[in-house]
């Protein structure tokens, strides 16, 4: 009784497994027919009964069109006369793509879905499929490939030759299993001009079947496949490799050296006849003896127009009577227009542009409401152009640095880290002054030394306050404004006409420069953040599901 029970359970489990296997996506039957033609080509017909468990559009069929010999050389077959039909002879829609190694057929209609069992009949002609040996010709054919992702229930192949031959000269064998397996799970039968191979078991996913058919010589013409010669193995490819090698040598080895050599020979400033001094009271001048503004002086010395040059200009414009700086409360400032600058012949273009940006809407504006970033960018361009036109630089320093920044970025992307580093470091120092520019830069550095090197409070200068107010914008441009103001900390300076304090207390030079610098930096940072969105609204103020970037999705065919 126990034995009968065990047998019944076994039969039930076996039946359940069979049903489960049928309820997954699989190939029900895979039948191949290959006709060897007398011209050496073969005509292949594949009947694939594909079972779709869920609704899909169709199937892919990847057909290899190259084969490899024992030496690892690849040979290309030629595929042609492709057709795809159903079991009733109706044509399927399909798309054909390939990369030279595999021909891909994407079969089905994107606007239609199907499920259940459907048969696909693929037919195509191949040239170069046969292999020719001294004693026989051979078809070594993977009639079921090892790259199917679904199991295959039944499979087989029939190979026909163009004329009847005797069994003694007609040989065949087969191999079944994963790639490299030598299993013989197949049945072979012969007829006068054909051989049939049936695989005797179901194939799991990625299991395949191969047949080897030997026929006498002379049955089919010799139609050899073409050897696939890699491009770099050809003469042109070898020449290309040599050129690439030379370019790589120049790019990865010579280019960093050339950048350093360029800086050494043409990137260094000429040595002026006058050097730096420690007690120079005046700013540099143009060839027409116009004193350079604080922003021009700061840019000439460090070869870079910085944000501090902008708020040095704001302080200097107030000192010169174009506007008034009003401290509304601790750390917040307004600018009030005092006189028109449009017909002023002594004001510089970048200063006029800055004033136009500040007072474009009202004569009284809050610093925190200003777009100092845009104003800075416009002023920076005009500053560089002015210094070049006045003969301090032969070329725009910013454009030279940008060129080497681009070179550094490209070198980094291409893996040339040495050139990326060299271009970044030496590129920043590549802008070169003229001899006149180097001489005036020495004067500017001397002025900076004077602002930094005071060991005692300058009481004699504070009596008329001219020294402090005139040189304060230059100290701001050099970034030493707090040091300069600190020299006057204990001196009773009167409040300047161009500044209104929120407290009305005695003018504190150090507190003033600290507050105006902090307010300008805060305003500048806020305007940079507002520009970084490039026109997109913030997700905090107008966001919703799907309103941001990215996302998307996908699915199967």
Protein backbone atom coordinates (compact mmCIF):
# COMPACT_ATOMS: atom_id res chain seq x y z
CA UNK A 1 0.00 0.00 0.00
CA UNK A 2 2.84 2.39 0.86
CA UNK A 3 4.52 1.61 -2.46
CA UNK A 4 1.35 2.46 -4.40
CA UNK A 5 1.01 5.74 -2.45
CA UNK A 6 4.61 6.74 -3.26
CA UNK A 7 4.06 5.95 -6.97
CA UNK A 8 0.90 8.09 -7.03
CA UNK A 9 2.70 11.01 -5.36
CA UNK A 10 5.56 10.73 -7.83
CA UNK A 11 3.14 10.73 -10.78
CA UNK A 12 1.37 13.78 -9.30
CA UNK A 13 4.61 15.71 -8.84
CA UNK A 14 5.78 14.81 -12.33
CA UNK A 15 2.48 15.94 -13.81
CA UNK A 16 2.56 19.15 -11.76
CA UNK A 17 6.09 19.93 -12.96
CA UNK A 18 5.04 19.41 -16.57
CA UNK A 19 2.08 21.74 -16.17
CA UNK A 20 4.26 24.33 -14.45
CA UNK A 21 6.81 24.13 -17.26
CA UNK A 22 4.04 24.73 -19.79
CA UNK A 23 2.85 27.77 -17.86
CA UNK A 24 6.06 29.73 -18.39
CA UNK A 25 7.31 31.54 -21.44
CA UNK A 26 9.06 28.96 -23.62
CA UNK A 27 9.66 27.64 -27.13
CA UNK A 28 7.36 24.71 -27.81
CA UNK A 29 9.12 23.58 -30.98
CA UNK A 30 12.29 24.67 -32.75
CA UNK A 31 12.56 22.91 -36.15
CA UNK A 32 15.33 23.82 -38.59
CA UNK A 33 15.80 22.85 -42.24
CA UNK A 34 19.10 23.52 -44.01
CA UNK A 35 19.46 22.99 -47.75
CA UNK A 36 23.08 22.78 -48.93
CA UNK A 37 23.17 24.13 -52.47
CA UNK A 38 25.53 23.18 -55.24
CA UNK A 39 26.89 26.75 -55.42
CA UNK A 40 28.19 26.40 -51.84
CA UNK A 41 25.51 28.52 -50.17
CA UNK A 42 22.95 27.21 -47.70
CA UNK A 43 19.26 28.06 -47.35
CA UNK A 44 18.07 28.01 -43.74
CA UNK A 45 14.46 27.74 -42.57
CA UNK A 46 13.68 28.00 -38.85
CA UNK A 47 10.20 27.18 -37.50
CA UNK A 48 9.90 28.54 -33.98
CA UNK A 49 6.75 27.90 -31.99
CA UNK A 50 6.97 30.52 -29.24
CA UNK A 51 4.62 30.50 -26.24
CA UNK A 52 3.94 33.92 -24.64
CA UNK A 53 2.64 33.69 -21.09
CA UNK A 54 1.77 37.41 -20.99
CA UNK A 55 1.00 39.88 -23.73
CA UNK A 56 4.09 40.84 -25.76
CA UNK A 57 4.73 42.29 -29.19
CA UNK A 58 7.00 39.58 -30.57
CA UNK A 59 10.47 38.04 -30.39
CA UNK A 60 14.09 38.85 -31.13
CA UNK A 61 16.27 36.56 -33.23
CA UNK A 62 20.05 37.08 -33.10
CA UNK A 63 21.75 35.36 -36.04
CA UNK A 64 25.57 35.16 -35.88
CA UNK A 65 27.12 35.97 -39.26
CA UNK A 66 30.74 35.26 -38.31
CA UNK A 67 32.53 32.09 -37.28
CA UNK A 68 35.92 31.47 -35.67
CA UNK A 69 38.62 28.94 -36.49
CA UNK A 70 40.92 27.18 -34.03
CA UNK A 71 43.51 29.96 -34.36
CA UNK A 72 41.02 32.57 -33.18
CA UNK A 73 40.61 34.18 -36.60
CA UNK A 74 37.12 35.36 -37.48
CA UNK A 75 35.45 34.82 -40.84
CA UNK A 76 32.39 36.65 -42.14
CA UNK A 77 29.43 34.97 -43.78
CA UNK A 78 27.03 36.88 -46.03
CA UNK A 79 23.32 36.82 -45.17
CA UNK A 80 20.58 37.65 -47.68
CA UNK A 81 17.00 36.91 -48.81
CA UNK A 82 15.55 37.19 -45.31
CA UNK A 83 11.84 36.59 -44.79
CA UNK A 84 9.71 36.17 -41.67
CA UNK A 85 6.23 34.60 -41.90
CA UNK A 86 3.66 32.85 -39.73
CA UNK A 87 2.52 29.26 -40.19
CA UNK A 88 -0.04 30.40 -42.79
CA UNK A 89 2.52 32.19 -44.94
CA UNK A 90 1.53 35.70 -43.83
CA UNK A 91 4.48 38.07 -43.45
CA UNK A 92 5.42 39.43 -40.02
CA UNK A 93 6.59 42.99 -39.45
CA UNK A 94 10.23 43.06 -38.42
CA UNK A 95 13.18 45.41 -38.05
CA UNK A 96 16.67 44.40 -39.10
CA UNK A 97 19.81 45.72 -37.40
CA UNK A 98 23.33 44.41 -36.96
CA UNK A 99 26.89 45.18 -35.94
CA UNK A 100 28.83 43.03 -38.41
CA UNK A 101 28.99 40.05 -36.04
CA UNK A 102 25.30 39.46 -35.36
CA UNK A 103 22.21 40.11 -37.47
CA UNK A 104 19.32 41.11 -35.22
CA UNK A 105 15.70 40.62 -36.26
CA UNK A 106 13.14 42.35 -34.06
CA UNK A 107 9.91 40.67 -35.04
CA UNK A 108 6.48 42.07 -34.22
CA UNK A 109 4.36 45.20 -34.29
CA UNK A 110 4.76 47.84 -31.60
CA UNK A 111 1.04 48.68 -31.95
CA UNK A 112 -0.12 45.08 -31.42
CA UNK A 113 0.22 42.56 -28.62
CA UNK A 114 -0.18 38.81 -28.58
CA UNK A 115 -0.12 35.93 -26.12
CA UNK A 116 -0.22 32.14 -26.22
CA UNK A 117 1.48 30.00 -28.90
CA UNK A 118 2.61 31.66 -32.13
CA UNK A 119 4.78 30.27 -34.91
CA UNK A 120 7.51 32.19 -36.65
CA UNK A 121 9.06 30.92 -39.90
CA UNK A 122 12.42 32.57 -40.58
CA UNK A 123 14.14 31.94 -43.90
CA UNK A 124 17.50 33.26 -45.04
CA UNK A 125 20.49 32.43 -47.26
CA UNK A 126 24.09 32.28 -46.04
CA UNK A 127 27.29 32.32 -48.10
CA UNK A 128 30.47 30.96 -46.51
CA UNK A 129 28.83 28.59 -44.01
CA UNK A 130 30.59 25.43 -45.28
CA UNK A 131 34.11 24.41 -44.28
CA UNK A 132 36.39 22.68 -46.78
CA UNK A 133 38.88 19.97 -45.74
CA UNK A 134 41.23 17.87 -47.93
CA UNK A 135 39.03 14.72 -47.71
CA UNK A 136 35.52 16.11 -47.26
CA UNK A 137 33.37 19.21 -46.95
CA UNK A 138 31.55 19.99 -43.74
CA UNK A 139 28.64 21.89 -42.25
CA UNK A 140 29.25 22.54 -38.55
CA UNK A 141 26.03 24.26 -37.52
CA UNK A 142 24.54 25.43 -34.22
CA UNK A 143 20.91 24.88 -35.18
CA UNK A 144 19.81 25.89 -31.66
CA UNK A 145 21.95 28.69 -30.27
CA UNK A 146 23.14 28.94 -26.67
CA UNK A 147 21.75 32.43 -26.14
CA UNK A 148 18.03 31.74 -25.84
CA UNK A 149 16.76 32.98 -22.46
CA UNK A 150 13.79 30.58 -22.42
CA UNK A 151 13.61 26.74 -22.34
CA UNK A 152 12.92 24.77 -25.51
CA UNK A 153 10.62 21.73 -25.35
CA UNK A 154 11.36 20.10 -28.73
CA UNK A 155 14.06 20.77 -31.32
CA UNK A 156 15.63 19.20 -34.39
CA UNK A 157 17.19 19.78 -37.80
CA UNK A 158 17.07 18.27 -41.27
CA UNK A 159 19.97 18.87 -43.63
CA UNK A 160 19.60 18.11 -47.35
CA UNK A 161 22.24 17.93 -50.08
CA UNK A 162 21.70 18.66 -53.78
CA UNK A 163 22.06 15.00 -54.93
CA UNK A 164 21.74 11.47 -53.60
CA UNK A 165 24.80 10.00 -51.93
CA UNK A 166 25.49 6.68 -50.30
CA UNK A 167 25.30 6.24 -46.56
CA UNK A 168 28.97 5.26 -46.35
CA UNK A 169 30.15 8.74 -47.41
CA UNK A 170 27.44 10.63 -45.52
CA UNK A 171 28.44 11.22 -41.88
CA UNK A 172 26.82 13.14 -39.04
CA UNK A 173 27.15 13.75 -35.30
CA UNK A 174 25.61 16.12 -32.78
CA UNK A 175 26.32 17.82 -29.43
CA UNK A 176 23.77 19.04 -26.88
CA UNK A 177 24.04 21.20 -23.74
CA UNK A 178 25.60 24.41 -22.51
CA UNK A 179 28.39 26.01 -24.56
CA UNK A 180 31.34 23.63 -24.62
CA UNK A 181 29.29 20.55 -23.61
CA UNK A 182 29.72 17.30 -25.57
CA UNK A 183 26.46 15.55 -24.69
CA UNK A 184 24.96 13.19 -27.30
CA UNK A 185 21.28 13.59 -26.38
CA UNK A 186 20.07 13.30 -29.95
CA UNK A 187 18.83 10.77 -32.53
CA UNK A 188 20.23 10.72 -36.08
CA UNK A 189 18.58 9.19 -39.14
CA UNK A 190 19.75 9.17 -42.78
CA UNK A 191 17.98 9.22 -46.15
CA UNK A 192 19.39 9.27 -49.69
CA UNK A 193 20.06 13.01 -49.74
CA UNK A 194 19.31 14.14 -46.19
CA UNK A 195 20.04 13.61 -42.52
CA UNK A 196 17.66 14.34 -39.65
CA UNK A 197 18.70 15.03 -36.06
CA UNK A 198 16.18 15.09 -33.20
CA UNK A 199 17.22 16.33 -29.76
CA UNK A 200 15.98 13.70 -27.34
CA UNK A 201 15.31 15.96 -24.35
CA UNK A 202 14.06 19.46 -23.58
CA UNK A 203 16.68 22.21 -23.53
CA UNK A 204 16.99 24.57 -20.60
CA UNK A 205 17.65 28.27 -21.21
CA UNK A 206 21.13 28.85 -22.68
CA UNK A 207 21.43 25.20 -23.74
CA UNK A 208 21.98 24.64 -27.44
CA UNK A 209 22.42 21.94 -30.06
CA UNK A 210 25.04 21.56 -32.82
CA UNK A 211 25.11 19.25 -35.82
CA UNK A 212 28.20 18.32 -37.85
CA UNK A 213 27.52 16.98 -41.35
CA UNK A 214 30.28 15.57 -43.56
CA UNK A 215 29.73 15.23 -47.32
CA UNK A 216 32.01 14.17 -50.21
CA UNK A 217 33.94 16.81 -52.03
CA UNK A 218 32.41 18.07 -55.25
CA UNK A 219 28.82 18.04 -53.99
CA UNK A 220 28.99 21.79 -53.29
CA UNK A 221 31.21 24.44 -54.84
CA UNK A 222 33.93 26.05 -52.78
CA UNK A 223 32.57 29.29 -51.34
CA UNK A 224 34.92 30.37 -48.60
CA UNK A 225 33.93 33.00 -46.03
CA UNK A 226 35.90 36.22 -45.95
CA UNK A 227 38.42 36.63 -43.17
CA UNK A 228 37.57 39.49 -40.83
CA UNK A 229 40.76 41.50 -40.60
CA UNK A 230 40.71 43.99 -37.70
CA UNK A 231 41.27 47.53 -38.92
CA UNK A 232 44.46 47.94 -36.91
CA UNK A 233 45.90 44.84 -38.59
CA UNK A 234 45.63 46.43 -42.03
CA UNK A 235 48.26 48.75 -43.52
CA UNK A 236 46.02 51.77 -43.02
CA UNK A 237 45.31 50.66 -39.47
CA UNK A 238 49.01 50.30 -38.71
CA UNK A 239 49.67 53.78 -40.12
CA UNK A 240 46.82 55.08 -37.96
CA UNK A 241 48.34 53.42 -34.90
CA UNK A 242 51.67 55.08 -35.60
CA UNK A 243 49.95 58.46 -35.94
CA UNK A 244 48.02 57.84 -32.71
CA UNK A 245 51.27 56.92 -31.01
CA UNK A 246 52.96 60.13 -32.13
CA UNK A 247 49.95 62.21 -31.09
CA UNK A 248 49.81 60.42 -27.72
CA UNK A 249 53.53 61.05 -27.18
CA UNK A 250 53.08 64.73 -27.97
CA UNK A 251 49.89 65.00 -25.89
CA UNK A 252 50.93 63.08 -22.79
CA UNK A 253 54.66 63.81 -22.69
CA UNK A 254 55.54 66.85 -24.78
CA UNK A 255 52.46 69.01 -24.10
CA UNK A 256 53.11 69.51 -20.34
CA UNK A 257 56.73 70.43 -21.10
CA UNK A 258 55.62 72.85 -23.84
CA UNK A 259 53.19 74.61 -21.46
CA UNK A 260 55.96 75.11 -18.90
CA UNK A 261 58.32 76.29 -21.66
CA UNK A 262 55.63 78.69 -22.94
CA UNK A 263 55.30 80.22 -19.47
CA UNK A 264 59.08 80.47 -19.06
CA UNK A 265 59.67 82.16 -22.42
CA UNK A 266 56.54 84.31 -22.92
CA UNK A 267 54.37 84.09 -19.78
CA UNK A 268 56.53 85.93 -17.27
CA UNK A 269 56.31 89.67 -16.77
CA UNK A 270 59.29 91.71 -17.96
CA UNK A 271 61.45 93.04 -15.15
CA UNK A 272 60.79 96.76 -14.70
CA UNK A 273 63.53 99.31 -14.19
CA UNK A 274 61.92 100.37 -10.90
CA UNK A 275 61.22 97.94 -8.11
CA UNK A 276 58.79 97.90 -5.21
CA UNK A 277 59.01 100.54 -2.49
CA UNK A 278 57.58 100.58 1.04
CA UNK A 279 56.43 104.20 1.17
CA UNK A 280 54.62 105.09 -2.04
CA UNK A 281 51.52 107.22 -1.59
CA UNK A 282 50.09 107.39 -5.10
CA UNK A 283 48.42 104.86 -7.42
CA UNK A 284 49.76 103.77 -10.85
CA UNK A 285 49.06 106.00 -13.86
CA UNK A 286 48.31 105.58 -17.55
CA UNK A 287 50.64 106.88 -20.26
CA UNK A 288 48.45 110.01 -20.32
CA UNK A 289 49.09 110.39 -16.56
CA UNK A 290 45.56 109.50 -15.46
CA UNK A 291 45.57 107.84 -12.06
CA UNK A 292 44.23 104.31 -12.18
CA UNK A 293 41.07 103.65 -10.22
CA UNK A 294 41.18 101.22 -7.29
CA UNK A 295 39.62 98.46 -9.42
CA UNK A 296 42.10 99.02 -12.26
CA UNK A 297 44.99 99.02 -9.79
CA UNK A 298 43.86 95.80 -8.09
CA UNK A 299 43.34 94.07 -11.45
CA UNK A 300 46.73 95.24 -12.74
CA UNK A 301 48.59 93.93 -9.69
CA UNK A 302 47.02 90.48 -9.40
CA UNK A 303 45.95 90.21 -13.08
CA UNK A 304 42.42 89.26 -12.01
CA UNK A 305 39.22 91.30 -11.70
CA UNK A 306 37.64 90.19 -8.42
CA UNK A 307 34.46 91.01 -6.55
CA UNK A 308 36.45 93.15 -4.13
CA UNK A 309 37.34 95.39 -7.09
CA UNK A 310 33.61 96.03 -7.54
CA UNK A 311 32.86 97.10 -4.00
CA UNK A 312 36.13 99.08 -3.94
CA UNK A 313 34.65 100.95 -6.91
CA UNK A 314 31.37 101.50 -5.04
CA UNK A 315 33.25 103.08 -2.12
CA UNK A 316 35.39 105.18 -4.47
CA UNK A 317 32.34 106.41 -6.44
CA UNK A 318 30.74 107.47 -3.17
CA UNK A 319 33.95 109.25 -2.12
CA UNK A 320 33.98 111.09 -5.45
CA UNK A 321 30.42 112.35 -4.94
CA UNK A 322 28.40 110.21 -7.37
CA UNK A 323 26.35 108.57 -4.62
CA UNK A 324 25.94 108.36 -0.87
CA UNK A 325 26.21 105.20 1.26
CA UNK A 326 23.50 105.12 3.91
CA UNK A 327 23.62 102.56 6.70
CA UNK A 328 19.92 101.92 7.45
CA UNK A 329 20.67 99.56 10.29
CA UNK A 330 23.57 97.48 11.47
CA UNK A 331 25.03 95.68 8.45
CA UNK A 332 22.48 96.90 5.86
CA UNK A 333 23.09 99.72 3.37
CA UNK A 334 21.27 101.84 0.82
CA UNK A 335 22.79 103.72 -2.09
CA UNK A 336 21.45 107.21 -2.92
CA UNK A 337 22.27 108.87 -6.24
CA UNK A 338 23.90 112.30 -5.80
CA UNK A 339 24.72 113.52 -9.29
CA UNK A 340 24.49 112.43 -12.89
CA UNK A 341 27.52 110.73 -14.43
CA UNK A 342 26.39 110.31 -18.03
CA UNK A 343 28.16 113.43 -19.32
CA UNK A 344 31.11 113.16 -16.96
CA UNK A 345 34.32 112.89 -19.00
CA UNK A 346 36.52 111.63 -16.16
CA UNK A 347 34.42 108.63 -15.18
CA UNK A 348 35.54 105.32 -16.67
CA UNK A 349 33.21 103.12 -18.79
CA UNK A 350 33.12 100.28 -16.26
CA UNK A 351 32.29 102.78 -13.48
CA UNK A 352 29.46 104.31 -15.55
CA UNK A 353 28.15 100.82 -16.27
CA UNK A 354 28.23 99.93 -12.59
CA UNK A 355 26.33 103.09 -11.64
CA UNK A 356 23.77 102.39 -14.37
CA UNK A 357 23.23 98.90 -12.96
CA UNK A 358 22.81 100.25 -9.42
CA UNK A 359 20.44 103.13 -10.26
CA UNK A 360 18.62 101.70 -13.30
CA UNK A 361 15.20 101.91 -11.60
CA UNK A 362 15.43 104.32 -8.66
CA UNK A 363 17.68 106.98 -7.19
CA UNK A 364 17.56 105.22 -3.79
CA UNK A 365 18.22 101.45 -3.74
CA UNK A 366 19.00 98.82 -1.16
CA UNK A 367 22.29 96.97 -1.58
CA UNK A 368 20.68 93.60 -0.83
CA UNK A 369 18.22 94.11 -3.71
CA UNK A 370 20.98 94.61 -6.29
CA UNK A 371 22.11 91.98 -8.79
CA UNK A 372 25.79 92.51 -8.08
CA UNK A 373 26.75 89.33 -9.93
CA UNK A 374 25.53 90.68 -13.30
CA UNK A 375 27.03 94.07 -12.59
CA UNK A 376 30.34 92.42 -11.69
CA UNK A 377 30.44 90.34 -14.89
CA UNK A 378 29.83 93.40 -17.07
CA UNK A 379 32.37 95.51 -15.16
CA UNK A 380 34.96 92.73 -15.33
CA UNK A 381 34.85 92.63 -19.13
CA UNK A 382 35.23 96.41 -19.37
CA UNK A 383 38.08 96.40 -16.83
CA UNK A 384 40.14 93.92 -18.83
CA UNK A 385 39.46 95.76 -22.10
CA UNK A 386 40.50 99.08 -20.55
CA UNK A 387 43.80 97.71 -19.23
CA UNK A 388 44.62 96.18 -22.62
CA UNK A 389 43.73 99.37 -24.52
CA UNK A 390 45.83 101.45 -22.10
CA UNK A 391 48.87 99.26 -22.83
CA UNK A 392 49.21 97.46 -19.49
CA UNK A 393 48.60 93.98 -21.06
CA UNK A 394 49.21 92.84 -24.62
CA UNK A 395 46.23 90.45 -24.39
CA UNK A 396 43.16 89.97 -22.22
CA UNK A 397 44.36 88.03 -19.13
CA UNK A 398 40.96 86.42 -18.58
CA UNK A 399 40.82 84.97 -22.10
CA UNK A 400 44.33 83.53 -21.71
CA UNK A 401 43.39 81.86 -18.40
CA UNK A 402 40.16 80.55 -19.93
CA UNK A 403 42.12 78.99 -22.80
CA UNK A 404 44.35 77.09 -20.37
CA UNK A 405 41.37 76.13 -18.20
CA UNK A 406 39.75 74.54 -21.24
CA UNK A 407 43.03 72.79 -22.04
CA UNK A 408 43.23 71.53 -18.45
CA UNK A 409 39.67 70.22 -18.54
CA UNK A 410 40.19 68.43 -21.87
CA UNK A 411 43.46 66.95 -20.61
CA UNK A 412 41.70 65.65 -17.49
CA UNK A 413 38.92 64.03 -19.57
CA UNK A 414 41.50 62.29 -21.78
CA UNK A 415 43.43 61.00 -18.78
CA UNK A 416 46.41 63.34 -19.17
CA UNK A 417 46.57 64.28 -15.50
CA UNK A 418 50.05 65.78 -15.75
CA UNK A 419 48.98 68.21 -18.48
CA UNK A 420 45.75 68.99 -16.60
CA UNK A 421 47.74 69.98 -13.52
CA UNK A 422 50.42 71.88 -15.45
CA UNK A 423 47.86 73.81 -17.54
CA UNK A 424 45.87 74.68 -14.42
CA UNK A 425 48.87 75.95 -12.43
CA UNK A 426 50.91 77.63 -15.15
CA UNK A 427 47.81 78.80 -17.07
CA UNK A 428 46.81 80.97 -14.12
CA UNK A 429 50.21 82.66 -14.30
CA UNK A 430 50.41 82.80 -18.10
CA UNK A 431 48.96 86.35 -18.56
CA UNK A 432 51.83 88.71 -19.18
CA UNK A 433 52.13 92.46 -18.65
CA UNK A 434 53.88 94.82 -20.99
CA UNK A 435 57.03 96.54 -19.74
CA UNK A 436 54.94 99.63 -18.99
CA UNK A 437 52.37 97.43 -17.22
CA UNK A 438 55.10 95.79 -15.12
CA UNK A 439 56.46 99.21 -14.12
CA UNK A 440 53.04 100.49 -13.06
CA UNK A 441 52.30 97.21 -11.30
CA UNK A 442 55.43 97.78 -9.20
CA UNK A 443 53.98 101.15 -8.21
CA UNK A 444 50.72 99.45 -7.29
CA UNK A 445 52.56 96.90 -5.16
CA UNK A 446 54.45 99.73 -3.48
CA UNK A 447 51.15 101.36 -2.60
CA UNK A 448 49.93 98.06 -1.17
CA UNK A 449 53.13 97.81 0.89
CA UNK A 450 52.48 101.28 2.25
CA UNK A 451 48.94 100.31 3.27
CA UNK A 452 50.23 97.21 5.04
CA UNK A 453 53.43 98.45 6.65
CA UNK A 454 52.31 101.27 8.95
CA UNK A 455 53.61 100.61 12.45
CA UNK A 456 52.15 103.72 14.05
CA UNK A 457 48.79 105.49 13.80
CA UNK A 458 48.90 108.21 11.19
CA UNK A 459 47.68 111.12 13.29
CA UNK A 460 49.27 113.72 11.03
CA UNK A 461 47.34 112.32 8.05
CA UNK A 462 44.04 112.16 9.91
CA UNK A 463 43.86 115.91 10.49
CA UNK A 464 42.36 116.54 7.06
CA UNK A 465 41.26 112.93 6.51
CA UNK A 466 42.33 113.04 2.86
CA UNK A 467 44.79 110.17 3.15
CA UNK A 468 42.33 107.76 4.73
CA UNK A 469 39.41 108.40 2.37
CA UNK A 470 41.45 108.49 -0.84
CA UNK A 471 43.36 105.31 -0.16
CA UNK A 472 40.50 103.35 1.43
CA UNK A 473 39.12 102.10 -1.95
CA UNK A 474 42.63 100.97 -2.94
CA UNK A 475 42.93 99.08 0.34
CA UNK A 476 39.59 97.42 -0.46
CA UNK A 477 40.83 96.45 -3.94
CA UNK A 478 43.98 94.92 -2.41
CA UNK A 479 41.94 93.09 0.26
CA UNK A 480 43.71 94.92 3.11
CA UNK A 481 40.94 97.38 3.99
CA UNK A 482 40.57 96.18 7.58
CA UNK A 483 44.30 96.53 8.19
CA UNK A 484 44.27 100.02 6.70
CA UNK A 485 41.20 101.09 8.70
CA UNK A 486 42.69 99.58 11.83
CA UNK A 487 45.55 102.09 11.66
CA UNK A 488 42.96 104.83 12.30
CA UNK A 489 40.95 102.95 14.93
CA UNK A 490 41.99 105.19 17.82
CA UNK A 491 41.89 108.45 15.85
CA UNK A 492 38.86 110.74 15.94
CA UNK A 493 37.99 110.71 12.25
CA UNK A 494 34.99 112.74 11.24
CA UNK A 495 32.17 111.05 9.41
CA UNK A 496 32.72 111.36 5.61
CA UNK A 497 30.23 113.44 3.60
CA UNK A 498 29.44 110.41 1.43
CA UNK A 499 28.46 108.14 4.33
CA UNK A 500 25.48 108.26 6.72
CA UNK A 501 25.68 106.13 9.88
CA UNK A 502 22.63 104.39 11.33
CA UNK A 503 23.66 105.35 14.88
CA UNK A 504 24.98 108.85 14.39
CA UNK A 505 27.93 108.00 16.59
CA UNK A 506 31.56 108.87 15.93
CA UNK A 507 32.82 107.42 12.67
CA UNK A 508 34.53 104.06 13.23
CA UNK A 509 36.70 103.31 10.19
CA UNK A 510 37.29 99.63 11.00
CA UNK A 511 33.63 98.93 11.72
CA UNK A 512 32.54 100.68 8.52
CA UNK A 513 34.80 98.73 6.16
CA UNK A 514 33.95 95.45 7.87
CA UNK A 515 30.20 96.07 7.54
CA UNK A 516 30.27 97.26 3.91
CA UNK A 517 32.45 94.33 2.90
CA UNK A 518 30.15 91.80 4.59
CA UNK A 519 27.03 93.37 3.08
CA UNK A 520 28.55 93.40 -0.43
CA UNK A 521 29.65 89.76 -0.16
CA UNK A 522 26.18 88.74 1.07
CA UNK A 523 24.49 90.58 -1.80
CA UNK A 524 26.89 89.11 -4.34
CA UNK A 525 26.38 85.54 -3.03
CA UNK A 526 22.59 85.95 -3.16
CA UNK A 527 22.69 87.14 -6.78
CA UNK A 528 24.94 84.21 -7.78
CA UNK A 529 22.45 81.73 -6.27
CA UNK A 530 19.55 83.36 -8.09
CA UNK A 531 21.40 83.05 -11.39
CA UNK A 532 22.34 79.39 -10.94
CA UNK A 533 18.79 78.12 -11.58
CA UNK A 534 19.02 79.17 -15.28
CA UNK A 535 15.36 80.12 -15.37
CA UNK A 536 13.89 77.12 -13.53
CA UNK A 537 11.60 77.70 -10.55
CA UNK A 538 12.52 76.35 -7.14
CA UNK A 539 10.98 73.04 -6.12
CA UNK A 540 10.16 74.59 -2.72
CA UNK A 541 7.93 77.28 -4.24
CA UNK A 542 6.41 75.57 -7.29
CA UNK A 543 7.25 71.90 -7.17
CA UNK A 544 5.02 68.89 -7.80
CA UNK A 545 5.33 65.25 -8.65
CA UNK A 546 7.06 64.93 -12.02
CA UNK A 547 8.00 68.62 -12.23
CA UNK A 548 11.73 68.01 -11.75
CA UNK A 549 14.38 66.59 -14.02
CA UNK A 550 15.16 62.93 -14.59
CA UNK A 551 12.67 60.12 -13.97
CA UNK A 552 11.37 58.16 -16.96
CA UNK A 553 10.82 54.38 -17.16
CA UNK A 554 10.92 51.35 -19.44
CA UNK A 555 9.68 47.82 -20.08
CA UNK A 556 10.12 44.69 -22.15
CA UNK A 557 9.30 44.01 -25.82
